Each structure stands twice: as structure tokens, then as C-alpha cells.
């Protein structure tokens, strides 16, 4: 009998100890100020958009460009950078109360330069495509373009089919590389990649390549600068596209919106048409 009583007492003490311990632990968790209760809300955290304010504070708009892309942005003989995009961006910066600083970037790594904060935007015949739409915050389009082939005037090439088995020059990092890889010429040509279009045109004239796949805007300008009968365009192109300005994907709406607002002002007061006529002989811009 004595043994049974002692066993019962032991069991009761164990039960009391367990409940006491559980209660103690619960109190400890709920009263600890360092512990944050879990939340069912899915509130997204977004970076503060100070893109415009940073430009205004610094007094400089850094424009990333390829300095061998005439007539949008290129170097003159005295090494100064000029072009349609340069003139437009200079006027935009002026109206924003800042100065324009053209920054030459490796066009193959242009979005990396943008994301790293080395430039505020990419503005130099920056063609819109799906990849760039996903990786940058694009402005409204401001000009149309077409991708075409340029050959020597004296050559016998007259169609895409005639280029099969030939050496085709293409700029590294351009939308031309993506287009050619999905075209009927894919796997049927020898692709020659160039760091810039100016060098590619020199090689075309030297006969190192048979044709150059390039923006029609660039082709028209280069052909117009050459003696008559030097170069010509093939009638067959591969794609029509548009130019826009690329801003960082995250937290750049304030800067993008201000630039767009300024471009619309320039369209309305005739300044954009004036700059376009200087470079193209007419207003080729598409901003409404």
C-alpha cells in the first residue's frame, strides 16, 4: 500500500511539472520583446525612387552610348562626340537644369553598365526588343528603324538568298545578332562580329566581309557620306523596330517620366523637329 501511494505521488508531481514547464515556456515566448510574431501579409519591399533627384543633385545626366553609331552618336575627326541622340539629350538635360555627360560603354555589356550605376540611361539607337523590355525600364519610342543588309555597289548580291555561304558583319551586343540567329540565314552564313559599325563598314569596303547587317538609320547616313556608287542597300530586310531610351529596371520612373515629359515639350515647340531636320533632312521622330 505504501508503495502504491508513493507511485501515485510521483506521477502527480511529474504531471504538475510538465504542465508548469509548458506554461512557463509559452509565457516566455509571448513576452519576449525580441521575438516578432509571424505575419500573414505579403507586403512587397520596393526601393525608393530617387533617380531624378540624384541627377538633379549631381547636376549631370550620364548618357551611356556607343560612340561609333552614326548619325545617332559618333566621334568627329577632332574626337568630339556628336549626333542626333547627342543633340536631343543635350537639349533635354538643359531643360532639366543639368549638363549632359556622354559616357562611352561597351555595347555588349551596356545593361550591366546601367545596372552598375555607371550611367543614368542608355540612349544611342537603343532598339526595343523582348530582352530589353524585361531588363530595362524603356521610355516611349521616339524613332522607327529597320534592320537591313549593306553591300558593295559593284557586288552581285541582290537578295537574302544570294548571301548564303557569305561573310556577314554584325555588331556585338546589337539586336542584329539576335535577329540573324532566328532568320532564314541562320547556319547558312559565316558571321563576323565587330565591336563597332564604323570598323565593320571599313571591312566591307575592303572586301573582308561580303555584307553588313545593320540599322537602316546608320546605313543611310554612311552611304550618304561615301562617293556615289560605293555602297547600296539590299531591298530585303529582316525586321522593323523602334528606338527608345533605357533606364534601370528598378526605381527609375521619376527620371524616365521627366525625360519623357521634356521630349513631349520639345515635340510640341518644334525643337525636336529642328534637330531631326539637321541630321535627317526632315522630322523622322515618332513622338506624338
Protein backbone atom coordinates (compact mmCIF):
# COMPACT_ATOMS: atom_id res chain seq x y z
CA UNK A 1 0.00 0.00 0.00
CA UNK A 2 2.79 2.31 0.84
CA UNK A 3 4.48 1.56 -2.48
CA UNK A 4 1.32 2.36 -4.43
CA UNK A 5 0.90 5.70 -2.66
CA UNK A 6 4.47 6.72 -3.42
CA UNK A 7 3.98 5.84 -7.10
CA UNK A 8 0.82 7.91 -7.30
CA UNK A 9 2.56 10.88 -5.70
CA UNK A 10 5.43 10.58 -8.16
CA UNK A 11 3.07 10.50 -11.12
CA UNK A 12 1.16 13.55 -9.89
CA UNK A 13 4.37 15.51 -9.38
CA UNK A 14 5.55 14.62 -12.91
CA UNK A 15 2.27 15.79 -14.45
CA UNK A 16 2.36 19.07 -12.50
CA UNK A 17 5.97 19.62 -13.54
CA UNK A 18 5.17 19.10 -17.24
CA UNK A 19 2.22 21.48 -17.21
CA UNK A 20 4.14 24.05 -15.24
CA UNK A 21 7.02 23.80 -17.70
CA UNK A 22 4.74 24.23 -20.70
CA UNK A 23 3.08 27.26 -19.23
CA UNK A 24 6.44 28.79 -18.41
CA UNK A 25 7.71 28.35 -21.94
CA UNK A 26 4.57 29.86 -23.50
CA UNK A 27 4.84 32.91 -21.29
CA UNK A 28 8.49 33.30 -22.17
CA UNK A 29 7.85 33.33 -25.95
CA UNK A 30 4.93 35.72 -25.88
CA UNK A 31 6.58 38.20 -23.54
CA UNK A 32 10.00 38.31 -25.22
CA UNK A 33 10.19 41.71 -27.00
CA UNK A 34 12.92 40.40 -29.32
CA UNK A 35 10.59 37.88 -30.93
CA UNK A 36 8.38 39.16 -33.76
CA UNK A 37 5.17 37.21 -34.37
CA UNK A 38 4.80 35.84 -37.88
CA UNK A 39 2.64 37.82 -40.28
CA UNK A 40 0.35 36.53 -42.99
CA UNK A 41 0.69 39.71 -45.03
CA UNK A 42 2.81 39.71 -48.20
CA UNK A 43 3.87 43.34 -48.31
CA UNK A 44 6.48 43.83 -51.03
CA UNK A 45 9.52 45.95 -50.27
CA UNK A 46 10.44 48.38 -53.09
CA UNK A 47 13.44 50.65 -53.35
CA UNK A 48 12.90 54.38 -53.05
CA UNK A 49 12.87 56.04 -56.47
CA UNK A 50 15.42 58.83 -56.18
CA UNK A 51 16.67 58.50 -59.78
CA UNK A 52 15.61 62.01 -60.79
CA UNK A 53 16.76 63.64 -57.56
CA UNK A 54 20.22 62.08 -57.89
CA UNK A 55 20.62 63.60 -61.34
CA UNK A 56 19.39 66.99 -60.16
CA UNK A 57 21.69 66.91 -57.11
CA UNK A 58 24.73 65.95 -59.18
CA UNK A 59 23.90 68.42 -61.94
CA UNK A 60 24.78 65.80 -64.55
CA UNK A 61 22.81 63.36 -66.72
CA UNK A 62 25.12 60.48 -67.65
CA UNK A 63 24.17 59.09 -71.04
CA UNK A 64 25.55 55.67 -71.96
CA UNK A 65 26.32 55.29 -75.64
CA UNK A 66 28.29 53.57 -78.37
CA UNK A 67 30.46 56.31 -79.91
CA UNK A 68 30.61 54.63 -83.33
CA UNK A 69 26.92 54.69 -84.24
CA UNK A 70 26.40 57.49 -86.78
CA UNK A 71 24.31 59.56 -87.02
CA UNK A 72 22.93 58.86 -83.52
CA UNK A 73 26.23 59.22 -81.64
CA UNK A 74 29.75 59.13 -83.06
CA UNK A 75 33.16 60.84 -82.97
CA UNK A 76 34.25 63.54 -85.37
CA UNK A 77 37.81 63.88 -86.62
CA UNK A 78 38.59 66.16 -83.64
CA UNK A 79 37.36 63.31 -81.36
CA UNK A 80 34.28 65.18 -80.10
CA UNK A 81 31.10 63.11 -79.84
CA UNK A 82 28.22 64.38 -81.95
CA UNK A 83 24.98 63.04 -83.35
CA UNK A 84 21.20 63.20 -83.30
CA UNK A 85 20.83 61.48 -79.93
CA UNK A 86 23.57 63.70 -78.50
CA UNK A 87 21.79 66.88 -79.62
CA UNK A 88 18.42 65.69 -78.29
CA UNK A 89 19.86 64.53 -74.96
CA UNK A 90 21.81 67.80 -74.59
CA UNK A 91 18.60 69.79 -75.00
CA UNK A 92 16.71 67.53 -72.59
CA UNK A 93 19.45 67.93 -69.96
CA UNK A 94 19.47 71.72 -70.48
CA UNK A 95 15.73 71.94 -69.88
CA UNK A 96 16.12 69.81 -66.76
CA UNK A 97 18.72 72.26 -65.46
CA UNK A 98 21.67 69.85 -65.68
CA UNK A 99 24.53 69.12 -68.06
CA UNK A 100 24.83 66.11 -70.34
CA UNK A 101 27.81 63.80 -69.89
CA UNK A 102 28.18 61.24 -72.71
CA UNK A 103 29.74 58.06 -71.30
CA UNK A 104 31.10 55.53 -73.80
CA UNK A 105 30.22 51.96 -72.78
CA UNK A 106 30.97 48.54 -74.21
CA UNK A 107 27.72 47.97 -76.09
CA UNK A 108 27.91 44.23 -75.45
CA UNK A 109 27.74 44.98 -71.71
CA UNK A 110 25.51 48.08 -71.90
CA UNK A 111 22.82 46.86 -69.48
CA UNK A 112 25.49 45.77 -66.99
CA UNK A 113 26.90 49.32 -67.09
CA UNK A 114 23.40 50.68 -66.50
CA UNK A 115 22.65 48.36 -63.59
CA UNK A 116 26.03 49.15 -62.01
CA UNK A 117 25.07 52.84 -61.89
CA UNK A 118 27.87 53.93 -64.21
CA UNK A 119 25.30 55.68 -66.41
CA UNK A 120 21.79 57.02 -65.83
CA UNK A 121 20.40 55.78 -69.13
CA UNK A 122 21.26 54.07 -72.42
CA UNK A 123 20.47 56.46 -75.23
CA UNK A 124 22.00 55.74 -78.61
CA UNK A 125 19.87 53.89 -81.13
CA UNK A 126 18.72 51.58 -78.32
CA UNK A 127 16.33 49.24 -80.14
CA UNK A 128 13.32 47.80 -78.33
CA UNK A 129 13.16 44.02 -78.10
CA UNK A 130 11.74 41.49 -75.63
CA UNK A 131 15.01 41.03 -73.75
CA UNK A 132 15.49 44.77 -73.24
CA UNK A 133 11.87 45.18 -72.19
CA UNK A 134 12.49 42.62 -69.45
CA UNK A 135 15.84 44.03 -68.28
CA UNK A 136 15.34 47.81 -68.56
CA UNK A 137 12.69 50.46 -67.96
CA UNK A 138 12.10 51.71 -71.51
CA UNK A 139 10.85 55.15 -72.46
CA UNK A 140 8.24 55.82 -75.09
CA UNK A 141 9.64 55.12 -78.60
CA UNK A 142 10.97 58.18 -80.42
CA UNK A 143 12.05 56.83 -83.84
CA UNK A 144 11.41 53.93 -86.21
CA UNK A 145 14.18 51.82 -87.69
CA UNK A 146 14.65 48.80 -89.95
CA UNK A 147 17.40 46.17 -89.98
CA UNK A 148 18.89 45.81 -93.47
CA UNK A 149 21.90 44.48 -95.39
CA UNK A 150 24.51 46.74 -96.99
CA UNK A 151 26.78 45.51 -99.79
CA UNK A 152 29.28 47.00 -102.21
CA UNK A 153 27.58 48.66 -105.16
CA UNK A 154 29.62 46.57 -107.60
CA UNK A 155 28.67 43.23 -105.97
CA UNK A 156 26.19 40.77 -107.46
CA UNK A 157 24.17 40.33 -104.24
CA UNK A 158 20.51 41.21 -104.67
CA UNK A 159 18.56 39.18 -102.08
CA UNK A 160 18.86 37.27 -98.81
CA UNK A 161 19.26 34.03 -100.74
CA UNK A 162 22.27 35.47 -102.58
CA UNK A 163 24.05 35.95 -99.24
CA UNK A 164 24.03 32.26 -98.32
CA UNK A 165 27.55 30.99 -97.69
CA UNK A 166 28.91 34.55 -97.44
CA UNK A 167 30.63 36.51 -94.66
CA UNK A 168 28.18 38.82 -92.91
CA UNK A 169 29.34 41.52 -90.48
CA UNK A 170 27.28 42.24 -87.34
CA UNK A 171 27.93 44.47 -84.32
CA UNK A 172 28.47 42.76 -80.98
CA UNK A 173 25.66 43.34 -78.49
CA UNK A 174 23.23 44.63 -81.11
CA UNK A 175 19.72 43.38 -81.81
CA UNK A 176 21.10 42.36 -85.22
CA UNK A 177 22.82 39.37 -83.59
CA UNK A 178 19.53 38.12 -82.17
CA UNK A 179 17.63 38.67 -85.42
CA UNK A 180 20.12 36.85 -87.62
CA UNK A 181 20.06 33.84 -85.29
CA UNK A 182 16.34 33.36 -85.88
CA UNK A 183 16.29 34.24 -89.59
CA UNK A 184 16.35 32.06 -92.69
CA UNK A 185 20.09 32.77 -92.94
CA UNK A 186 20.88 31.16 -89.59
CA UNK A 187 23.51 28.48 -90.12
CA UNK A 188 23.91 29.42 -93.79
CA UNK A 189 26.39 32.29 -93.41
CA UNK A 190 29.72 32.96 -91.75
CA UNK A 191 29.00 35.51 -89.05
CA UNK A 192 31.74 38.08 -88.42
CA UNK A 193 31.26 40.01 -85.15
CA UNK A 194 32.56 43.57 -84.82
CA UNK A 195 32.86 45.80 -81.77
CA UNK A 196 31.57 48.81 -83.73
CA UNK A 197 29.86 49.64 -87.01
CA UNK A 198 32.50 52.07 -88.24
CA UNK A 199 35.11 49.30 -88.34
CA UNK A 200 32.59 46.95 -89.95
CA UNK A 201 31.92 49.42 -92.78
CA UNK A 202 35.67 49.77 -93.36
CA UNK A 203 35.99 45.99 -93.66
CA UNK A 204 33.04 45.89 -96.05
CA UNK A 205 34.73 48.41 -98.35
CA UNK A 206 37.99 46.48 -98.08
CA UNK A 207 36.24 43.28 -99.14
CA UNK A 208 36.95 41.45 -95.87
CA UNK A 209 33.22 40.79 -95.48
CA UNK A 210 30.56 40.42 -98.17
CA UNK A 211 27.72 42.27 -96.44
CA UNK A 212 26.89 44.12 -93.26
CA UNK A 213 23.66 43.61 -91.32
CA UNK A 214 22.97 46.96 -89.68
CA UNK A 215 20.38 49.58 -88.69
CA UNK A 216 18.97 51.36 -91.73
CA UNK A 217 19.40 54.69 -89.94
CA UNK A 218 23.15 54.04 -89.76
CA UNK A 219 23.33 52.65 -93.30
CA UNK A 220 21.58 55.65 -94.84
CA UNK A 221 23.94 58.07 -93.13
CA UNK A 222 27.14 56.17 -94.01
CA UNK A 223 26.07 55.67 -97.65
CA UNK A 224 25.29 59.38 -97.95
CA UNK A 225 28.84 60.22 -96.80
CA UNK A 226 30.50 57.97 -99.40
CA UNK A 227 31.19 58.71 -103.08
CA UNK A 228 28.22 57.75 -105.24
CA UNK A 229 28.37 54.13 -106.33
CA UNK A 230 30.28 52.86 -103.28
CA UNK A 231 27.62 51.08 -101.21
CA UNK A 232 23.98 50.11 -101.56
CA UNK A 233 21.20 48.50 -99.51
CA UNK A 234 19.51 45.24 -100.37
CA UNK A 235 15.73 45.54 -100.69
CA UNK A 236 15.14 42.65 -98.26
CA UNK A 237 15.33 43.46 -94.56
CA UNK A 238 14.64 41.29 -91.53
CA UNK A 239 12.81 43.42 -89.02
CA UNK A 240 11.23 46.76 -88.28
CA UNK A 241 11.86 48.16 -84.82
CA UNK A 242 11.81 51.30 -82.70
CA UNK A 243 14.36 53.25 -80.71
CA UNK A 244 13.77 54.13 -77.05
CA UNK A 245 15.79 55.23 -74.02
CA UNK A 246 16.71 52.55 -71.49
CA UNK A 247 16.64 53.28 -67.76
CA UNK A 248 17.37 50.95 -64.85
CA UNK A 249 14.65 48.37 -64.32
CA UNK A 250 14.08 49.23 -60.66
CA UNK A 251 13.24 52.62 -59.16
CA UNK A 252 13.79 54.82 -62.21
CA UNK A 253 10.29 56.03 -63.06
CA UNK A 254 10.87 59.58 -61.79
CA UNK A 255 13.83 60.13 -64.14
CA UNK A 256 12.18 58.35 -67.07
CA UNK A 257 8.98 60.36 -66.65
CA UNK A 258 10.88 63.65 -66.54
CA UNK A 259 12.83 62.84 -69.71
CA UNK A 260 9.63 61.79 -71.50
CA UNK A 261 7.86 64.95 -70.34
CA UNK A 262 10.72 67.04 -71.71
CA UNK A 263 10.71 65.20 -75.06
CA UNK A 264 6.98 65.87 -75.40
CA UNK A 265 7.63 69.57 -74.74
CA UNK A 266 10.34 69.58 -77.43
CA UNK A 267 7.96 67.91 -79.88
CA UNK A 268 5.27 70.49 -79.15
CA UNK A 269 7.51 73.56 -79.51
CA UNK A 270 9.29 72.29 -82.64
CA UNK A 271 12.77 71.75 -81.17
CA UNK A 272 12.72 68.00 -81.79
CA UNK A 273 11.77 68.54 -85.45
CA UNK A 274 14.57 71.10 -85.76
CA UNK A 275 17.20 68.66 -84.51
CA UNK A 276 15.83 65.85 -86.67
CA UNK A 277 15.89 68.04 -89.80
CA UNK A 278 19.52 68.89 -89.08
CA UNK A 279 20.52 65.21 -89.20
CA UNK A 280 17.94 63.59 -91.49
CA UNK A 281 16.62 66.41 -93.66
CA UNK A 282 13.13 66.02 -92.17
CA UNK A 283 11.32 65.18 -88.94
CA UNK A 284 11.59 61.40 -88.59
CA UNK A 285 10.69 61.30 -84.89
CA UNK A 286 7.55 59.42 -83.83
CA UNK A 287 6.70 61.09 -80.51
CA UNK A 288 3.13 62.40 -80.53
